[in-house]
Amino acid sequence: MLLEDKIALITGAGNGIGRATAIRFANEGAKVVICDLDESGLAQTQQDIADAGGQVTSVVGNVGVRDDVQKAVDAATSTYGGLHILINNAGITRDGLTTRIKDGETKFMSDDQWDAVLNVNLKGTWLCSQLAAVPMIEQGYGRIVNTASVAALGNIGQANYSASKAGIIGLTKTLALEWARYNICVNCVAPGGVNTRMTETIPEKIVENLIQGIPLKRFAEPEEIAAVHAFLSSQDAAYITGQVIFVDGGVSIGG
């Protein structure tokens, strides 16, 4: 199995890509710690893994809160004796135009919209990486996979989200340089449209237009992103670090 006897912490595992990744990792032999604020979704992921015979423990927490992140890292080290892999998957959107004037009325993306997205997406990735690196440095081994997005290249109505995801790319490259000496590989997956709860709320007409702009003419399934997570977390990717893998059906190269 690809990840036999490895210990992995996966954030945002209550649904979507995080759930698919947790299940894939457990199937590949990893012991998994799953973290999310969605208690019911987290419980379902845990049940799915346990029913299939996998080893799993869950922690309810907010990746933007240091104490919650430390609790998740501690759960891995105390329950399973270490931490080899971190999948920084948790993320949110709070979309809106930066500045809009209509019928003489000015509307702005609010400070709360900006702060919420940067706190979870960018600060959360930084906090989880910072704290997970401690046991990884001590054992001289680690794999960290962050989550950017094709939106890092720019997307109307998502200044906060795009900025957070572009920041994650810069963070990934910096951490890869800082931690290479400890045999910690840090990479980044940048998905395009994925069939998850987040995209279910997009109106059908808009989805149709988005798909027309994808060379492969479809959204990805969560399991397809999980497969890339598994590869980058495995020994097969031991000489890959500081890279951004766009899993977007060709959007980033044009169509």
Protein backbone atom coordinates (compact mmCIF):
# COMPACT_ATOMS: atom_id res chain seq x y z
CA MET A 1 0.00 0.00 0.00
CA LEU A 2 1.20 3.49 -0.88
CA LEU A 3 1.04 4.98 2.64
CA GLU A 4 1.37 1.93 4.86
CA ASP A 5 2.11 2.78 8.53
CA LYS A 6 2.18 6.53 7.83
CA ILE A 7 0.32 8.93 10.12
CA ALA A 8 -1.60 11.72 8.39
CA LEU A 9 -3.47 14.80 9.56
CA ILE A 10 -6.14 15.98 7.10
CA THR A 11 -8.01 19.24 7.62
CA GLY A 12 -11.43 20.06 6.20
CA ALA A 13 -12.20 16.34 6.23
CA GLY A 14 -15.92 16.65 6.97
CA ASN A 15 -16.89 16.51 3.30
CA GLY A 16 -15.70 16.90 -0.28
CA ILE A 17 -12.00 16.67 -1.08
CA GLY A 18 -11.02 16.29 2.57
CA ARG A 19 -13.32 13.31 3.09
CA ALA A 20 -12.19 11.67 -0.16
CA THR A 21 -8.55 12.18 0.84
CA ALA A 22 -9.05 10.74 4.33
CA ILE A 23 -10.75 7.65 2.89
CA ARG A 24 -8.06 7.23 0.20
CA PHE A 25 -5.27 7.54 2.77
CA ALA A 26 -6.88 5.00 5.10
CA ASN A 27 -7.31 2.62 2.17
CA GLU A 28 -3.60 3.11 1.39
CA GLY A 29 -2.68 1.98 4.91
CA ALA A 30 -2.30 5.32 6.72
CA LYS A 31 -3.53 6.06 10.21
CA VAL A 32 -5.53 9.27 9.83
CA VAL A 33 -6.44 12.17 12.08
CA ILE A 34 -9.29 14.20 10.60
CA CYS A 35 -10.16 17.77 11.58
CA ASP A 36 -13.11 20.01 10.72
CA LEU A 37 -15.59 22.41 12.32
CA ASP A 38 -18.46 20.39 10.82
CA GLU A 39 -19.09 17.86 13.59
CA SER A 40 -21.72 15.83 11.73
CA GLY A 41 -19.64 15.68 8.56
CA LEU A 42 -16.56 14.72 10.55
CA ALA A 43 -18.49 11.94 12.29
CA GLN A 44 -19.64 10.59 8.92
CA THR A 45 -16.10 10.54 7.55
CA GLN A 46 -14.88 8.76 10.67
CA GLN A 47 -17.68 6.20 10.38
CA ASP A 48 -16.94 5.55 6.70
CA ILE A 49 -13.26 4.88 7.46
CA ALA A 50 -13.95 2.78 10.55
CA ASP A 51 -16.54 0.66 8.72
CA ALA A 52 -13.90 -0.14 6.09
CA GLY A 53 -11.46 -1.24 8.79
CA GLY A 54 -9.28 1.87 8.80
CA GLN A 55 -7.62 3.55 11.77
CA VAL A 56 -9.02 7.04 12.37
CA THR A 57 -9.46 9.63 15.09
CA SER A 58 -11.23 12.97 14.76
CA VAL A 59 -10.76 16.44 16.22
CA VAL A 60 -13.32 19.24 15.96
CA GLY A 61 -11.43 22.48 15.42
CA ASN A 62 -10.82 25.69 13.51
CA VAL A 63 -7.53 25.74 11.57
CA GLY A 64 -7.33 29.51 12.10
CA VAL A 65 -7.04 29.03 15.89
CA ARG A 66 -3.62 28.00 17.18
CA ASP A 67 -4.92 26.02 20.17
CA ASP A 68 -7.27 24.01 17.95
CA VAL A 69 -4.44 23.18 15.55
CA GLN A 70 -2.16 22.13 18.39
CA LYS A 71 -4.93 19.86 19.67
CA ALA A 72 -5.08 18.13 16.27
CA VAL A 73 -1.31 17.68 16.08
CA ASP A 74 -1.26 16.35 19.65
CA ALA A 75 -4.01 13.87 18.74
CA ALA A 76 -1.74 12.41 16.05
CA THR A 77 1.35 12.15 18.24
CA SER A 78 -0.45 10.86 21.35
CA THR A 79 -2.76 8.40 19.56
CA TYR A 80 -0.41 7.06 16.91
CA GLY A 81 3.05 8.12 18.07
CA GLY A 82 4.02 10.64 15.41
CA LEU A 83 3.00 12.63 12.35
CA HIS A 84 4.34 12.05 8.84
CA ILE A 85 1.85 13.79 6.55
CA LEU A 86 -0.19 17.00 6.67
CA ILE A 87 -2.90 17.74 4.11
CA ASN A 88 -3.94 21.40 4.41
CA ASN A 89 -7.34 21.13 2.77
CA ALA A 90 -9.64 23.32 4.90
CA GLY A 91 -10.91 26.41 3.11
CA ILE A 92 -13.89 28.74 2.74
CA THR A 93 -15.25 31.34 0.32
CA ARG A 94 -16.98 34.67 1.00
CA ASP A 95 -17.41 36.04 -2.50
CA GLY A 96 -18.12 39.61 -3.55
CA LEU A 97 -16.81 42.35 -5.81
CA THR A 98 -14.08 44.47 -4.22
CA THR A 99 -15.82 47.75 -5.13
CA ARG A 100 -19.06 48.18 -7.04
CA ILE A 101 -21.07 51.28 -7.90
CA LYS A 102 -24.63 50.73 -9.11
CA ASP A 103 -27.37 53.34 -9.37
CA GLY A 104 -25.15 55.77 -7.50
CA GLU A 105 -24.67 53.39 -4.56
CA THR A 106 -21.17 52.18 -3.62
CA LYS A 107 -20.78 48.67 -2.26
CA PHE A 108 -17.59 47.05 -0.98
CA MET A 109 -16.38 43.60 -0.08
CA SER A 110 -16.54 43.84 3.70
CA ASP A 111 -13.61 43.59 6.09
CA ASP A 112 -15.33 40.55 7.61
CA GLN A 113 -15.46 38.81 4.21
CA TRP A 114 -11.77 39.49 3.66
CA ASP A 115 -10.63 38.54 7.16
CA ALA A 116 -12.65 35.31 7.35
CA VAL A 117 -11.19 33.90 4.13
CA LEU A 118 -7.60 34.94 4.83
CA ASN A 119 -7.83 33.62 8.39
CA VAL A 120 -8.98 30.13 7.41
CA ASN A 121 -7.28 29.66 4.05
CA LEU A 122 -3.91 31.34 4.48
CA LYS A 123 -3.35 31.69 8.22
CA GLY A 124 -4.83 28.22 8.77
CA THR A 125 -2.39 26.69 6.30
CA TRP A 126 0.50 28.51 7.96
CA LEU A 127 -0.52 27.50 11.50
CA CYS A 128 -1.06 23.84 10.62
CA SER A 129 2.26 23.68 8.78
CA GLN A 130 4.14 25.46 11.56
CA LEU A 131 2.89 23.15 14.31
CA ALA A 132 2.93 19.92 12.30
CA ALA A 133 6.55 20.63 11.36
CA VAL A 134 7.67 20.12 14.98
CA PRO A 135 7.29 16.31 15.08
CA MET A 136 8.36 16.13 11.43
CA ILE A 137 11.61 17.98 12.13
CA GLU A 138 12.26 15.82 15.19
CA GLN A 139 11.89 12.60 13.19
CA GLY A 140 13.67 13.94 10.08
CA TYR A 141 10.79 13.20 7.73
CA GLY A 142 7.60 14.87 6.53
CA ARG A 143 5.22 15.49 3.67
CA ILE A 144 3.02 18.59 3.56
CA VAL A 145 0.51 19.21 0.77
CA ASN A 146 -1.21 22.58 0.71
CA THR A 147 -4.30 23.59 -1.26
CA ALA A 148 -4.22 26.55 -3.60
CA SER A 149 -6.65 26.95 -6.52
CA VAL A 150 -6.76 27.96 -10.15
CA ALA A 151 -8.35 31.10 -8.67
CA ALA A 152 -4.83 32.08 -7.52
CA LEU A 153 -4.39 33.27 -11.10
CA GLY A 154 -7.25 35.74 -10.58
CA ASN A 155 -11.04 35.43 -10.51
CA ILE A 156 -13.74 38.09 -10.58
CA GLY A 157 -15.59 38.40 -7.28
CA GLN A 158 -12.96 36.48 -5.33
CA ALA A 159 -10.27 38.99 -4.41
CA ASN A 160 -10.10 37.54 -0.89
CA TYR A 161 -10.08 33.91 -2.05
CA SER A 162 -7.62 34.52 -4.90
CA ALA A 163 -5.27 36.43 -2.59
CA SER A 164 -5.38 33.64 -0.01
CA LYS A 165 -4.64 30.96 -2.60
CA ALA A 166 -1.83 32.97 -4.24
CA GLY A 167 -0.41 33.45 -0.74
CA ILE A 168 -0.50 29.70 -0.17
CA ILE A 169 1.64 29.20 -3.29
CA GLY A 170 4.26 31.61 -1.95
CA LEU A 171 4.06 30.00 1.48
CA THR A 172 4.53 26.54 -0.03
CA LYS A 173 7.70 27.53 -1.85
CA THR A 174 9.14 29.24 1.22
CA LEU A 175 8.44 26.33 3.56
CA ALA A 176 9.92 23.93 1.01
CA LEU A 177 13.17 25.91 1.14
CA GLU A 178 13.17 26.22 4.93
CA TRP A 179 12.47 22.57 5.67
CA ALA A 180 14.29 20.69 2.91
CA ARG A 181 17.22 20.23 5.33
CA TYR A 182 14.89 18.13 7.52
CA ASN A 183 13.70 15.90 4.66
CA ILE A 184 10.29 17.59 4.65
CA CYS A 185 8.78 17.99 1.19
CA VAL A 186 6.20 20.76 0.85
CA ASN A 187 4.03 20.91 -2.25
CA CYS A 188 0.76 22.40 -3.34
CA VAL A 189 -2.28 21.19 -5.27
CA ALA A 190 -4.28 23.81 -7.18
CA PRO A 191 -7.68 22.39 -8.17
CA GLY A 192 -10.09 23.89 -10.63
CA GLY A 193 -13.82 23.17 -10.39
CA VAL A 194 -14.59 20.12 -8.24
CA ASN A 195 -17.96 18.49 -7.56
CA THR A 196 -18.25 19.32 -3.85
CA ARG A 197 -20.72 20.94 -1.48
CA MET A 198 -19.05 24.29 -2.21
CA THR A 199 -19.83 24.12 -5.93
CA GLU A 200 -23.35 22.71 -5.46
CA THR A 201 -24.59 26.22 -4.65
CA ILE A 202 -23.47 27.65 -8.02
CA PRO A 203 -26.45 28.23 -10.36
CA GLU A 204 -26.72 25.62 -13.13
CA LYS A 205 -26.32 28.18 -15.93
CA ILE A 206 -23.06 29.48 -14.44
CA VAL A 207 -21.77 25.92 -14.03
CA GLU A 208 -22.51 25.26 -17.71
CA ASN A 209 -20.54 28.37 -18.68
CA LEU A 210 -17.63 27.38 -16.42
CA ILE A 211 -17.47 23.90 -17.93
CA GLN A 212 -17.26 25.40 -21.41
CA GLY A 213 -14.01 27.05 -20.31
CA ILE A 214 -12.48 23.75 -19.15
CA PRO A 215 -10.58 21.88 -21.89
CA LEU A 216 -11.66 18.52 -20.41
CA LYS A 217 -15.29 19.80 -20.28
CA ARG A 218 -16.12 18.69 -16.76
CA PHE A 219 -15.50 19.32 -13.09
CA ALA A 220 -13.19 16.97 -11.20
CA GLU A 221 -14.44 14.46 -8.67
CA PRO A 222 -13.03 14.77 -5.11
CA GLU A 223 -11.36 11.38 -5.49
CA GLU A 224 -9.25 12.72 -8.38
CA ILE A 225 -7.77 15.39 -6.11
CA ALA A 226 -7.28 12.80 -3.37
CA ALA A 227 -5.22 10.71 -5.79
CA VAL A 228 -2.78 13.59 -6.27
CA HIS A 229 -2.63 14.09 -2.50
CA ALA A 230 -1.73 10.42 -2.11
CA PHE A 231 1.04 10.59 -4.71
CA LEU A 232 2.64 13.74 -3.28
CA SER A 233 2.50 12.21 0.21
CA SER A 234 4.19 8.98 -0.86
CA GLN A 235 7.77 7.89 -1.31
CA ASP A 236 7.18 8.04 -5.08
CA ALA A 237 7.33 11.86 -4.74
CA ALA A 238 10.43 11.93 -2.53
CA TYR A 239 12.33 14.27 -4.90
CA ILE A 240 9.47 16.72 -5.48
CA THR A 241 9.25 19.82 -3.30
CA GLY A 242 8.15 23.43 -3.67
CA GLN A 243 5.90 22.59 -6.63
CA VAL A 244 2.36 23.61 -7.54
CA ILE A 245 0.34 20.94 -9.35
CA PHE A 246 -2.67 22.36 -11.17
CA VAL A 247 -5.44 19.74 -11.18
CA ASP A 248 -7.85 21.82 -13.22
CA GLY A 249 -8.69 20.00 -16.44
CA GLY A 250 -6.42 22.31 -18.39
CA VAL A 251 -7.86 25.69 -17.33
CA SER A 252 -4.48 27.11 -16.30
CA ILE A 253 -3.00 26.52 -19.77
CA GLY A 254 -5.96 27.95 -21.67
CA GLY A 255 -8.48 26.26 -23.91
